[in-house]
Protein backbone atom coordinates (compact mmCIF):
# COMPACT_ATOMS: atom_id res chain seq x y z
CA UNK A 1 103.21 7.49 65.02
CA UNK A 2 100.36 4.59 65.04
CA UNK A 3 98.21 4.56 61.86
CA UNK A 4 95.73 2.78 61.65
CA UNK A 5 95.97 -0.11 58.98
CA UNK A 6 99.70 1.07 57.38
CA UNK A 7 99.19 -2.10 54.92
CA UNK A 8 96.35 -0.94 53.24
CA UNK A 9 97.71 2.59 52.86
CA UNK A 10 100.81 1.66 51.89
CA UNK A 11 98.89 0.30 48.93
CA UNK A 12 97.13 2.41 47.91
CA UNK A 13 99.38 5.35 47.83
CA UNK A 14 101.23 3.10 45.95
CA UNK A 15 98.39 2.48 43.12
CA UNK A 16 97.72 6.59 43.66
CA UNK A 17 101.59 7.22 42.50
CA UNK A 18 101.06 4.77 39.47
CA UNK A 19 98.27 6.50 38.09
CA UNK A 20 100.00 9.88 38.65
CA UNK A 21 102.91 8.75 36.50
CA UNK A 22 100.87 7.40 33.72
CA UNK A 23 99.03 11.10 33.49
CA UNK A 24 102.43 12.39 33.15
CA UNK A 25 103.55 10.03 30.76
CA UNK A 26 100.12 10.80 28.74
CA UNK A 27 101.14 14.56 28.96
CA UNK A 28 104.59 14.40 28.12
CA UNK A 29 103.89 12.19 25.12
CA UNK A 30 101.59 12.21 22.09
CA UNK A 31 100.03 9.52 22.61
CA UNK A 32 96.99 11.97 24.16
CA UNK A 33 97.08 14.27 20.71
CA UNK A 34 96.97 11.10 18.80
CA UNK A 35 93.60 9.57 20.96
CA UNK A 36 92.22 12.96 20.25
CA UNK A 37 92.85 13.11 16.90
CA UNK A 38 91.39 9.53 16.38
CA UNK A 39 88.39 10.07 18.56
CA UNK A 40 87.66 13.28 16.72
CA UNK A 41 87.93 11.53 13.09
CA UNK A 42 85.76 8.94 14.04
CA UNK A 43 83.29 11.21 15.32
CA UNK A 44 83.29 12.94 12.13
CA UNK A 45 83.01 9.98 9.98
CA UNK A 46 80.06 8.86 12.27
CA UNK A 47 78.02 12.56 11.26
CA UNK A 48 79.08 12.39 8.07
CA UNK A 49 77.15 8.79 7.44
CA UNK A 50 74.18 9.93 9.34
CA UNK A 51 74.45 13.23 7.45
CA UNK A 52 74.32 11.50 3.86
CA UNK A 53 72.06 8.62 4.87
CA UNK A 54 69.67 11.00 6.72
CA UNK A 55 67.01 9.60 4.59
CA UNK A 56 67.67 5.93 5.90
CA UNK A 57 67.53 6.46 9.22
CA UNK A 58 63.62 8.24 9.25
CA UNK A 59 60.92 6.67 10.97
CA UNK A 60 59.58 3.87 8.08
CA UNK A 61 57.28 1.17 8.13
CA UNK A 62 60.31 -1.45 8.29
CA UNK A 63 61.91 -0.06 11.46
CA UNK A 64 58.59 1.16 13.09
CA UNK A 65 57.94 -2.86 12.93
CA UNK A 66 61.34 -3.97 13.89
CA UNK A 67 61.39 -1.07 16.78
CA UNK A 68 57.84 -2.36 18.44
CA UNK A 69 59.02 -5.97 17.92
CA UNK A 70 62.19 -5.32 20.19
CA UNK A 71 61.07 -3.85 22.54
CA UNK A 72 58.15 -6.60 22.81
CA UNK A 73 60.71 -9.15 22.89
CA UNK A 74 62.95 -7.16 25.91
CA UNK A 75 59.82 -6.23 28.00
CA UNK A 76 59.14 -10.13 27.53
CA UNK A 77 62.51 -11.13 28.83
CA UNK A 78 62.31 -8.11 31.76
CA UNK A 79 58.88 -9.43 32.58
CA UNK A 80 59.01 -13.24 33.14
CA UNK A 81 62.91 -13.91 33.78
CA UNK A 82 63.32 -14.86 36.99
CA UNK A 83 66.75 -13.72 37.86
CA UNK A 84 68.47 -10.58 36.79
CA UNK A 85 71.64 -11.90 35.05
CA UNK A 86 69.16 -13.99 33.20
CA UNK A 87 67.44 -10.76 32.18
CA UNK A 88 70.46 -8.70 31.26
CA UNK A 89 72.37 -11.18 29.39
CA UNK A 90 68.93 -12.28 27.27
CA UNK A 91 68.77 -8.65 25.94
CA UNK A 92 72.12 -8.52 25.42
CA UNK A 93 72.20 -11.44 23.32
CA UNK A 94 68.56 -9.87 21.87
CA UNK A 95 70.72 -6.49 21.06
CA UNK A 96 73.86 -8.93 19.53
CA UNK A 97 71.57 -10.82 17.35
CA UNK A 98 69.84 -7.75 16.20
CA UNK A 99 73.72 -6.22 14.87
CA UNK A 100 73.96 -8.54 11.55
CA UNK A 101 70.16 -7.99 10.73
CA UNK A 102 70.19 -4.15 10.98
CA UNK A 103 73.28 -4.30 8.39
CA UNK A 104 71.33 -6.56 6.48
CA UNK A 105 68.46 -4.59 5.99
CA UNK A 106 70.61 -1.52 5.19
CA UNK A 107 72.64 -3.17 2.42
CA UNK A 108 69.96 -4.66 0.84
CA UNK A 109 67.06 -1.20 1.93
CA UNK A 110 69.24 1.47 2.50
CA UNK A 111 67.20 1.40 6.28
CA UNK A 112 68.97 2.18 9.44
CA UNK A 113 67.42 0.36 12.20
CA UNK A 114 68.17 1.73 15.89
CA UNK A 115 66.19 -1.24 16.95
CA UNK A 116 69.95 -2.31 18.60
CA UNK A 117 70.33 0.98 20.62
CA UNK A 118 66.58 0.40 22.13
CA UNK A 119 67.37 -3.23 23.26
CA UNK A 120 71.05 -1.48 24.52
CA UNK A 121 68.62 1.05 26.09
CA UNK A 122 66.39 -1.65 28.02
CA UNK A 123 69.17 -3.41 29.26
CA UNK A 124 70.95 -0.64 30.75
CA UNK A 125 67.48 -0.31 32.42
CA UNK A 126 67.22 -3.78 33.80
CA UNK A 127 70.79 -3.48 35.04
CA UNK A 128 69.97 -0.22 36.90
CA UNK A 129 66.28 -1.56 38.76
CA UNK A 130 68.52 -4.86 39.43
CA UNK A 131 71.06 -2.44 41.15
CA UNK A 132 68.62 -0.75 42.82
CA UNK A 133 67.11 -3.78 44.37
CA UNK A 134 70.73 -5.21 45.42
CA UNK A 135 70.72 -2.04 47.32
CA UNK A 136 67.76 -1.94 48.54
CA UNK A 137 68.18 -5.12 50.42
CA UNK A 138 71.42 -5.04 51.72
CA UNK A 139 69.98 -1.76 53.43
CA UNK A 140 66.91 -4.10 54.70
CA UNK A 141 68.75 -7.38 56.05
CA UNK A 142 71.52 -4.08 57.81
CA UNK A 143 68.51 -3.28 59.36
CA UNK A 144 66.71 -6.32 60.37
CA UNK A 145 70.55 -8.01 61.63
CA UNK A 146 70.89 -4.37 64.09
CA UNK A 147 66.65 -4.91 65.05
CA UNK A 148 67.43 -8.64 66.29
CA UNK A 149 70.54 -8.32 67.83
CA UNK A 150 68.72 -5.49 69.88
CA UNK A 151 65.63 -7.69 70.57
CA UNK A 152 67.76 -10.69 71.26
CA UNK A 153 69.55 -8.24 74.00
CA UNK A 154 66.48 -7.25 75.47
CA UNK A 155 65.19 -10.96 75.94
CA UNK A 156 68.40 -12.45 76.99
CA UNK A 157 68.13 -9.36 79.95
CA UNK A 158 64.33 -10.46 80.43
CA UNK A 159 65.25 -14.29 80.86
CA UNK A 160 68.26 -13.49 83.04
CA UNK A 161 66.43 -11.25 85.49
CA UNK A 162 62.64 -13.13 85.34
CA UNK A 163 63.24 -16.94 85.36
CA UNK A 164 64.79 -16.83 89.04
CA UNK A 165 61.91 -15.02 89.84
CA UNK A 166 59.57 -17.26 88.37
CA UNK A 167 60.63 -20.00 89.64
CA UNK A 168 60.36 -18.34 93.30
CA UNK A 169 56.82 -17.76 92.82
CA UNK A 170 56.38 -21.21 91.86
CA UNK A 171 57.55 -22.90 94.54
CA UNK A 172 55.54 -22.19 97.80
CA UNK A 173 52.26 -22.42 95.13
CA UNK A 174 53.17 -26.32 94.54
CA UNK A 175 53.98 -26.78 98.04
CA UNK A 176 50.44 -25.44 99.28
CA UNK A 177 48.41 -27.22 96.51
CA UNK A 178 50.08 -30.49 97.63
CA UNK A 179 49.75 -29.35 101.64
CA UNK A 180 45.82 -28.61 100.54
CA UNK A 181 46.06 -32.00 98.71
CA UNK A 182 46.99 -33.93 101.65
CA UNK A 183 44.20 -32.42 104.71
CA UNK A 184 41.80 -32.80 101.46
CA UNK A 185 40.68 -29.70 101.21
CA UNK A 186 41.81 -28.28 97.51
CA UNK A 187 39.21 -29.33 96.51
CA UNK A 188 36.67 -27.03 98.40
CA UNK A 189 34.76 -24.26 96.24
CA UNK A 190 36.45 -21.09 95.93
CA UNK A 191 34.55 -19.27 93.09
CA UNK A 192 32.52 -19.36 90.63
CA UNK A 193 32.96 -18.48 86.77
CA UNK A 194 31.22 -16.78 84.70
CA UNK A 195 29.54 -20.04 82.77
CA UNK A 196 28.47 -20.56 86.22
CA UNK A 197 30.96 -24.23 87.37
CA UNK A 198 32.20 -23.71 90.35
CA UNK A 199 36.16 -22.96 90.83
CA UNK A 200 38.28 -25.54 93.32
CA UNK A 201 40.94 -24.30 95.56
CA UNK A 202 43.36 -26.71 93.21
CA UNK A 203 42.14 -25.70 90.14
CA UNK A 204 42.82 -22.28 90.80
CA UNK A 205 46.42 -22.83 92.09
CA UNK A 206 47.39 -25.72 89.36
CA UNK A 207 45.61 -22.45 86.70
CA UNK A 208 48.42 -20.54 88.23
CA UNK A 209 50.69 -22.80 88.19
CA UNK A 210 50.23 -22.92 84.62
CA UNK A 211 50.14 -19.62 84.01
CA UNK A 212 53.99 -19.57 85.11
CA UNK A 213 54.77 -21.97 83.19
CA UNK A 214 53.75 -20.77 79.90
CA UNK A 215 55.24 -17.49 80.89
CA UNK A 216 59.19 -19.44 81.43
CA UNK A 217 58.17 -21.34 78.01
CA UNK A 218 57.70 -17.68 76.40
CA UNK A 219 61.45 -16.62 77.59
CA UNK A 220 62.44 -19.47 76.14
CA UNK A 221 61.21 -19.72 72.69
CA UNK A 222 60.75 -15.90 72.38
CA UNK A 223 64.84 -15.72 70.93
CA UNK A 224 64.02 -18.54 68.71
CA UNK A 225 61.35 -17.28 67.13
CA UNK A 226 63.08 -13.82 67.00
CA UNK A 227 66.44 -15.05 65.13
CA UNK A 228 64.54 -17.44 63.35
CA UNK A 229 66.26 -20.91 64.83
CA UNK A 230 63.24 -22.67 66.23
CA UNK A 231 64.41 -26.31 65.15
CA UNK A 232 62.15 -29.06 63.17
CA UNK A 233 62.65 -32.06 66.08
CA UNK A 234 60.93 -28.90 68.23
CA UNK A 235 57.85 -28.81 66.39
CA UNK A 236 54.92 -31.58 67.21
CA UNK A 237 51.35 -32.96 66.21
CA UNK A 238 48.76 -30.76 68.23
CA UNK A 239 45.52 -31.80 68.47
CA UNK A 240 44.35 -27.86 67.83
CA UNK A 241 40.78 -28.05 69.11
CA UNK A 242 41.36 -30.14 72.39
CA UNK A 243 44.37 -27.71 73.24
CA UNK A 244 42.05 -24.66 73.01
CA UNK A 245 39.36 -26.02 74.72
CA UNK A 246 41.47 -27.66 77.25
CA UNK A 247 43.92 -25.96 78.18
CA UNK A 248 43.53 -22.20 76.72
CA UNK A 249 39.72 -21.60 77.50
CA UNK A 250 39.69 -22.73 81.47
CA UNK A 251 42.90 -20.17 82.03
CA UNK A 252 39.42 -17.29 81.19
CA UNK A 253 36.46 -19.22 82.29
CA UNK A 254 35.93 -16.15 85.20
CA UNK A 255 36.40 -13.77 82.34
CA UNK A 256 34.96 -14.12 79.01
CA UNK A 257 33.09 -17.33 77.32
CA UNK A 258 35.82 -19.07 74.66
CA UNK A 259 33.84 -21.63 72.34
CA UNK A 260 35.62 -23.76 70.12
CA UNK A 261 34.33 -25.65 67.11
CA UNK A 262 35.63 -28.16 64.97
CA UNK A 263 37.29 -31.79 64.24
CA UNK A 264 38.55 -32.99 68.02
CA UNK A 265 41.03 -35.51 65.34
CA UNK A 266 42.49 -32.35 63.74
CA UNK A 267 46.02 -32.70 63.86
CA UNK A 268 48.77 -29.93 62.91
CA UNK A 269 52.41 -30.07 63.25
CA UNK A 270 53.19 -27.38 65.34
CA UNK A 271 55.30 -25.52 67.74
CA UNK A 272 53.20 -26.17 70.59
CA UNK A 273 54.77 -23.48 73.11
CA UNK A 274 54.83 -20.52 71.02
CA UNK A 275 51.52 -21.47 69.22
CA UNK A 276 49.86 -21.26 73.00
CA UNK A 277 50.95 -17.87 73.71
CA UNK A 278 50.10 -16.41 70.49
CA UNK A 279 46.37 -17.80 71.53
CA UNK A 280 46.90 -16.42 74.61
CA UNK A 281 47.99 -13.11 72.90
CA UNK A 282 44.57 -12.97 70.51
CA UNK A 283 42.80 -13.67 74.64
CA UNK A 284 44.36 -10.58 76.55
CA UNK A 285 43.90 -8.11 73.11
CA UNK A 286 40.36 -9.38 73.48
CA UNK A 287 40.43 -8.38 77.24
CA UNK A 288 42.39 -4.75 76.46
CA UNK A 289 41.13 -4.04 73.84
CA UNK A 290 37.10 -5.37 72.42
CA UNK A 291 35.81 -5.42 75.82
CA UNK A 292 37.65 -2.35 77.57
CA UNK A 293 34.77 -0.77 78.38
CA UNK A 294 32.84 -3.88 80.11
CA UNK A 295 30.66 -6.33 78.14
CA UNK A 296 27.60 -8.05 79.35
CA UNK A 297 28.30 -11.11 77.23
CA UNK A 298 31.81 -11.49 75.89
CA UNK A 299 32.24 -14.29 73.66
CA UNK A 300 35.16 -15.49 71.81
CA UNK A 301 34.87 -18.12 68.64
CA UNK A 302 37.88 -20.27 67.46
CA UNK A 303 36.43 -22.09 64.21
CA UNK A 304 38.70 -24.98 62.76
CA UNK A 305 38.97 -26.35 59.25
CA UNK A 306 41.10 -27.96 57.34
CA UNK A 307 41.73 -28.80 53.61
CA UNK A 308 43.82 -31.48 51.71
CA UNK A 309 47.02 -29.11 52.43
CA UNK A 310 46.52 -26.73 55.23
CA UNK A 311 44.74 -25.78 58.05
CA UNK A 312 42.40 -22.35 58.89
CA UNK A 313 41.72 -21.09 62.03
CA UNK A 314 39.26 -18.00 62.16
CA UNK A 315 38.98 -16.37 65.23
CA UNK A 316 36.01 -13.83 66.31
CA UNK A 317 34.44 -11.68 68.78
CA UNK A 318 31.79 -10.26 69.36
CA UNK A 319 33.30 -7.03 71.18
CA UNK A 320 34.56 -3.75 70.01
CA UNK A 321 35.38 -3.30 66.01
CA UNK A 322 39.06 -3.25 64.95
CA UNK A 323 40.03 -0.24 63.64
CA UNK A 324 39.57 0.22 60.11
CA UNK A 325 42.52 1.69 59.22
CA UNK A 326 44.99 -0.87 60.99
CA UNK A 327 45.90 -3.37 58.37
CA UNK A 328 47.33 -6.87 58.99
CA UNK A 329 50.72 -5.42 58.16
CA UNK A 330 50.78 -3.17 61.05
CA UNK A 331 49.23 -5.04 63.49
CA UNK A 332 51.75 -7.83 62.96
CA UNK A 333 54.25 -4.97 63.57
CA UNK A 334 55.70 -4.31 66.71
CA UNK A 335 54.97 -1.41 68.09
CA UNK A 336 51.90 -0.68 65.85
CA UNK A 337 48.82 -0.49 66.96
CA UNK A 338 46.14 2.02 66.78
CA UNK A 339 46.03 5.72 68.53
CA UNK A 340 43.50 5.39 71.08
CA UNK A 341 44.94 1.63 72.02
CA UNK A 342 45.63 1.37 75.67
CA UNK A 343 48.50 -1.47 74.63
CA UNK A 344 52.40 -1.29 73.41
CA UNK A 345 51.70 -3.25 70.04
CA UNK A 346 53.47 -6.00 70.83
CA UNK A 347 51.51 -8.74 71.59
CA UNK A 348 50.65 -8.63 67.57
CA UNK A 349 54.17 -8.58 66.98
CA UNK A 350 54.20 -11.77 68.72
CA UNK A 351 51.18 -13.18 66.73
CA UNK A 352 53.35 -12.33 63.34
CA UNK A 353 56.88 -14.41 64.58
CA UNK A 354 54.53 -17.26 65.07
CA UNK A 355 52.71 -17.00 61.96
CA UNK A 356 56.06 -16.51 60.14
CA UNK A 357 58.09 -19.39 61.95
CA UNK A 358 55.79 -21.83 60.85
CA UNK A 359 55.28 -20.60 57.14
CA UNK A 360 51.47 -19.49 57.92
CA UNK A 361 49.74 -15.84 56.55
CA UNK A 362 47.33 -13.82 58.61
CA UNK A 363 44.57 -12.18 57.48
CA UNK A 364 42.07 -9.64 58.59
CA UNK A 365 38.29 -10.45 57.00
CA UNK A 366 35.99 -7.11 57.30
CA UNK A 367 32.74 -8.90 57.80
CA UNK A 368 29.36 -8.57 59.82
CA UNK A 369 31.96 -9.76 62.67
CA UNK A 370 33.24 -6.23 64.87
CA UNK A 371 36.90 -8.65 64.81
CA UNK A 372 37.68 -11.56 62.83
CA UNK A 373 41.25 -13.05 61.88
CA UNK A 374 42.13 -15.58 59.83
CA UNK A 375 45.22 -17.72 60.30
CA UNK A 376 46.20 -20.52 58.18
CA UNK A 377 49.11 -23.16 58.63
CA UNK A 378 50.26 -25.47 56.45
CA UNK A 379 49.84 -29.02 57.31
CA UNK A 380 53.50 -30.28 56.76
CA UNK A 381 55.19 -26.67 56.86
CA UNK A 382 58.07 -27.58 58.45
């Protein structure tokens, strides 16, 4: 008959049989009775000692002062030492130091100090907290690993099925653009943008090609963001104001007005493709949520400013107010959204991944603006 892990089972049977034989030995010998008699005698001696010295361990100014001091010292060790091992070791050492002090006080004044027992109890509480945190972290890490595996599997499936179709879509668009340029008609006006400027046939085709390229970059970089495998060499210095004004704003010029303010010389070390998609998500969220019911003059504003160590992007729009019951943590979580939202709650999750990959921070500012996001990136975060 096949049994899995036969060696482990055999070893466990041998250990169990050895323990059973030891128990039989204790039952047949007088050792068990001797140990019980010794324990009973020791407890009786402790009881008699406490009964004789009962006045000594009653509350007294000296014992109360000692106990209060020990509680303060142990609580300080618990609070200010960084690691659990340091906290437990420091607290136990404090208890050991108190043992000879307690004997000296008892011999000199007859007062029995229980400070060592108090410190021992605090050490036990520290150990319990550390154990609970350890198992909580292990459980959280296991959940994150499973979630990450599922996300990566889905992304792999999407990349396998979507990227070939993107290439199929790009090829005829590129051919049509070259055909029109050869015949000199790529400059013909196709439509009028929201800001009143003309959009030519060539510009419309180039915008479509740029969008397809960004979709391909999303598929390629999402897996790296999800598994935290964005490499340092993939980051580069980017002129952020120029990027927003020249590469992102024109894509949406026929639907809303995007204003970008800040120093055009301002540069930031970014993973360019994922950052561009994060900003695109902000704009698409505005079109889906803030201006879903129609708006006479939809406007988005990106204001950039820098300090010695960080760059801050303040993003606002004049659309529907951001839900008051939706926190920054909820917005950045996958699948979390307000109850009346028509979206899937994925745009905020992508933004959260990008902010995390850049070691930045995300904040929802509640002020007079209908929506105000503040994203901060360290200048040399990676």
